[in-house]
Amino acid sequence: MTGLNSKYIENEINTWLEDINQAIEEIKLFLPEKRNYLEFEKDLKGKRAIERSLEIIGEAVSRILKAKADFPVTNVKKIVDTRNIISYGYDSVSDAVVWGIIVRDLDKLQAEVKNLLNE
């Protein structure tokens, strides 16, 4: 790989990392003010917006993995799998699973992404 090609790939990866960070920030904005599962479950527009942001995150991670197979982020396969379920198995998307991702995984992912952006 030439230096120029390597620099191009690095720039692309940084763009995708920024996309991931932006999608996470948007998810936080889309959450109901009263952050609990029952409020989330009632908010159809919020749920759809969050699902779309999760798709963006999964697509960005997928693109990064194609450029750099050893991408150092936790649960990369689960992130891509979630994107695929939302995109292709829309009828099997579980509110509980999406909520679990929000409360359990997003802050960690955002910290890892910000770390990579600051390198």
C-alpha atoms as a PDB file:
ATOM      1  CA  MET A   1       0.000   0.000   0.000  1.00  0.00           C
ATOM      2  CA  THR A   2       1.391   3.365  -0.979  1.00  0.00           C
ATOM      3  CA  GLY A   3       1.664   6.214   1.474  1.00  0.00           C
ATOM      4  CA  LEU A   4      -0.940   8.181  -0.473  1.00  0.00           C
ATOM      5  CA  ASN A   5      -3.379   5.260  -0.460  1.00  0.00           C
ATOM      6  CA  SER A   6      -2.735   4.716   3.242  1.00  0.00           C
ATOM      7  CA  LYS A   7      -3.450   8.394   3.970  1.00  0.00           C
ATOM      8  CA  TYR A   8      -6.677   8.213   1.934  1.00  0.00           C
ATOM      9  CA  ILE A   9      -7.873   5.167   3.903  1.00  0.00           C
ATOM     10  CA  GLU A  10      -6.961   6.855   7.185  1.00  0.00           C
ATOM     11  CA  ASN A  11      -9.005   9.917   6.177  1.00  0.00           C
ATOM     12  CA  GLU A  12     -11.969   7.731   5.212  1.00  0.00           C
ATOM     13  CA  ILE A  13     -11.804   5.878   8.522  1.00  0.00           C
ATOM     14  CA  ASN A  14     -11.753   9.184  10.401  1.00  0.00           C
ATOM     15  CA  THR A  15     -14.819  10.324   8.444  1.00  0.00           C
ATOM     16  CA  TRP A  16     -16.656   7.125   9.365  1.00  0.00           C
ATOM     17  CA  LEU A  17     -15.602   7.495  13.005  1.00  0.00           C
ATOM     18  CA  GLU A  18     -17.045  11.020  12.974  1.00  0.00           C
ATOM     19  CA  ASP A  19     -20.250   9.598  11.477  1.00  0.00           C
ATOM     20  CA  ILE A  20     -20.456   7.075  14.327  1.00  0.00           C
ATOM     21  CA  ASN A  21     -19.906   9.770  16.930  1.00  0.00           C
ATOM     22  CA  GLN A  22     -22.545  12.005  15.320  1.00  0.00           C
ATOM     23  CA  ALA A  23     -25.073   9.147  15.198  1.00  0.00           C
ATOM     24  CA  ILE A  24     -24.498   8.449  18.898  1.00  0.00           C
ATOM     25  CA  GLU A  25     -25.032  12.125  19.721  1.00  0.00           C
ATOM     26  CA  GLU A  26     -28.272  12.056  17.711  1.00  0.00           C
ATOM     27  CA  ILE A  27     -29.472   8.962  19.559  1.00  0.00           C
ATOM     28  CA  LYS A  28     -29.002  10.835  22.824  1.00  0.00           C
ATOM     29  CA  LEU A  29     -31.109  13.690  21.431  1.00  0.00           C
ATOM     30  CA  PHE A  30     -33.840  11.311  20.246  1.00  0.00           C
ATOM     31  CA  LEU A  31     -34.269   9.676  23.639  1.00  0.00           C
ATOM     32  CA  PRO A  32     -37.333  10.737  25.582  1.00  0.00           C
ATOM     33  CA  GLU A  33     -36.595  13.313  28.269  1.00  0.00           C
ATOM     34  CA  LYS A  34     -37.727  10.812  30.868  1.00  0.00           C
ATOM     35  CA  ARG A  35     -35.168   8.154  30.037  1.00  0.00           C
ATOM     36  CA  ASN A  36     -36.856   4.931  30.848  1.00  0.00           C
ATOM     37  CA  TYR A  37     -37.878   1.970  28.790  1.00  0.00           C
ATOM     38  CA  LEU A  38     -41.633   2.556  29.016  1.00  0.00           C
ATOM     39  CA  GLU A  39     -41.293   6.105  27.666  1.00  0.00           C
ATOM     40  CA  PHE A  40     -38.979   4.858  24.925  1.00  0.00           C
ATOM     41  CA  GLU A  41     -41.403   2.096  23.979  1.00  0.00           C
ATOM     42  CA  LYS A  42     -44.255   4.615  23.493  1.00  0.00           C
ATOM     43  CA  ASP A  43     -42.211   6.970  21.275  1.00  0.00           C
ATOM     44  CA  LEU A  44     -42.557   5.603  17.733  1.00  0.00           C
ATOM     45  CA  LYS A  45     -40.762   8.541  16.060  1.00  0.00           C
ATOM     46  CA  GLY A  46     -37.915   8.381  18.542  1.00  0.00           C
ATOM     47  CA  LYS A  47     -37.533   4.631  18.129  1.00  0.00           C
ATOM     48  CA  ARG A  48     -37.405   4.907  14.347  1.00  0.00           C
ATOM     49  CA  ALA A  49     -34.859   7.732  14.517  1.00  0.00           C
ATOM     50  CA  ILE A  50     -32.699   5.698  16.900  1.00  0.00           C
ATOM     51  CA  GLU A  51     -32.938   2.624  14.681  1.00  0.00           C
ATOM     52  CA  ARG A  52     -31.789   4.734  11.717  1.00  0.00           C
ATOM     53  CA  SER A  53     -28.843   6.029  13.727  1.00  0.00           C
ATOM     54  CA  LEU A  54     -27.945   2.455  14.698  1.00  0.00           C
ATOM     55  CA  GLU A  55     -28.021   1.562  10.997  1.00  0.00           C
ATOM     56  CA  ILE A  56     -25.601   4.399  10.274  1.00  0.00           C
ATOM     57  CA  ILE A  57     -23.286   3.225  13.047  1.00  0.00           C
ATOM     58  CA  GLY A  58     -23.368  -0.346  11.746  1.00  0.00           C
ATOM     59  CA  GLU A  59     -22.720   0.713   8.159  1.00  0.00           C
ATOM     60  CA  ALA A  60     -19.808   2.926   9.194  1.00  0.00           C
ATOM     61  CA  VAL A  61     -18.286   0.089  11.241  1.00  0.00           C
ATOM     62  CA  SER A  62     -18.763  -2.290   8.302  1.00  0.00           C
ATOM     63  CA  ARG A  63     -16.911   0.099   5.995  1.00  0.00           C
ATOM     64  CA  ILE A  64     -14.112   0.533   8.496  1.00  0.00           C
ATOM     65  CA  LEU A  65     -13.743  -3.245   8.832  1.00  0.00           C
ATOM     66  CA  LYS A  66     -13.376  -3.549   5.063  1.00  0.00           C
ATOM     67  CA  ALA A  67     -10.566  -0.990   5.164  1.00  0.00           C
ATOM     68  CA  LYS A  68      -8.992  -2.183   8.421  1.00  0.00           C
ATOM     69  CA  ALA A  69      -9.876  -5.691   9.555  1.00  0.00           C
ATOM     70  CA  ASP A  70      -8.247  -5.253  12.974  1.00  0.00           C
ATOM     71  CA  PHE A  71     -10.415  -2.275  13.919  1.00  0.00           C
ATOM     72  CA  PRO A  72      -9.981  -1.941  17.731  1.00  0.00           C
ATOM     73  CA  VAL A  73     -13.577  -1.463  18.881  1.00  0.00           C
ATOM     74  CA  THR A  74     -15.539  -3.764  21.164  1.00  0.00           C
ATOM     75  CA  ASN A  75     -18.337  -5.864  19.637  1.00  0.00           C
ATOM     76  CA  VAL A  76     -17.740  -4.899  15.990  1.00  0.00           C
ATOM     77  CA  LYS A  77     -19.505  -8.022  14.735  1.00  0.00           C
ATOM     78  CA  LYS A  78     -22.547  -7.337  16.943  1.00  0.00           C
ATOM     79  CA  ILE A  79     -22.666  -3.746  15.692  1.00  0.00           C
ATOM     80  CA  VAL A  80     -22.739  -4.877  12.061  1.00  0.00           C
ATOM     81  CA  ASP A  81     -25.218  -7.662  12.863  1.00  0.00           C
ATOM     82  CA  THR A  82     -27.548  -5.145  14.534  1.00  0.00           C
ATOM     83  CA  ARG A  83     -27.405  -2.955  11.444  1.00  0.00           C
ATOM     84  CA  ASN A  84     -28.296  -5.936   9.268  1.00  0.00           C
ATOM     85  CA  ILE A  85     -31.219  -6.909  11.477  1.00  0.00           C
ATOM     86  CA  ILE A  86     -32.605  -3.375  11.428  1.00  0.00           C
ATOM     87  CA  SER A  87     -32.104  -3.070   7.664  1.00  0.00           C
ATOM     88  CA  TYR A  88     -33.217  -6.498   6.499  1.00  0.00           C
ATOM     89  CA  GLY A  89     -35.140  -8.007   9.392  1.00  0.00           C
ATOM     90  CA  TYR A  90     -37.051  -4.898  10.322  1.00  0.00           C
ATOM     91  CA  ASP A  91     -40.005  -6.993  11.456  1.00  0.00           C
ATOM     92  CA  SER A  92     -37.876  -8.703  14.093  1.00  0.00           C
ATOM     93  CA  VAL A  93     -36.370  -5.592  15.690  1.00  0.00           C
ATOM     94  CA  SER A  94     -36.993  -5.733  19.413  1.00  0.00           C
ATOM     95  CA  ASP A  95     -37.514  -2.556  21.419  1.00  0.00           C
ATOM     96  CA  ALA A  96     -35.867  -4.297  24.367  1.00  0.00           C
ATOM     97  CA  VAL A  97     -32.738  -5.115  22.350  1.00  0.00           C
ATOM     98  CA  VAL A  98     -32.478  -1.554  21.024  1.00  0.00           C
ATOM     99  CA  TRP A  99     -32.950  -0.171  24.539  1.00  0.00           C
ATOM    100  CA  GLY A 100     -30.275  -2.557  25.826  1.00  0.00           C
ATOM    101  CA  ILE A 101     -27.836  -1.249  23.246  1.00  0.00           C
ATOM    102  CA  ILE A 102     -28.640   2.326  24.229  1.00  0.00           C
ATOM    103  CA  VAL A 103     -28.134   1.864  27.966  1.00  0.00           C
ATOM    104  CA  ARG A 104     -25.363  -0.729  27.895  1.00  0.00           C
ATOM    105  CA  ASP A 105     -23.197  -0.170  24.835  1.00  0.00           C
ATOM    106  CA  LEU A 106     -23.403   3.336  23.355  1.00  0.00           C
ATOM    107  CA  ASP A 107     -21.330   5.237  25.913  1.00  0.00           C
ATOM    108  CA  LYS A 108     -18.524   2.675  25.665  1.00  0.00           C
ATOM    109  CA  LEU A 109     -18.604   2.779  21.864  1.00  0.00           C
ATOM    110  CA  GLN A 110     -18.522   6.566  21.887  1.00  0.00           C
ATOM    111  CA  ALA A 111     -15.536   6.586  24.262  1.00  0.00           C
ATOM    112  CA  GLU A 112     -13.661   4.149  22.012  1.00  0.00           C
ATOM    113  CA  VAL A 113     -14.477   6.190  18.897  1.00  0.00           C
ATOM    114  CA  LYS A 114     -13.382   9.457  20.506  1.00  0.00           C
ATOM    115  CA  ASN A 115     -10.162   7.765  21.595  1.00  0.00           C
ATOM    116  CA  LEU A 116      -9.464   6.656  18.031  1.00  0.00           C
ATOM    117  CA  LEU A 117     -10.226  10.127  16.695  1.00  0.00           C
ATOM    118  CA  ASN A 118      -7.768  11.670  19.147  1.00  0.00           C
ATOM    119  CA  GLU A 119      -4.890   9.358  18.170  1.00  0.00           C
END
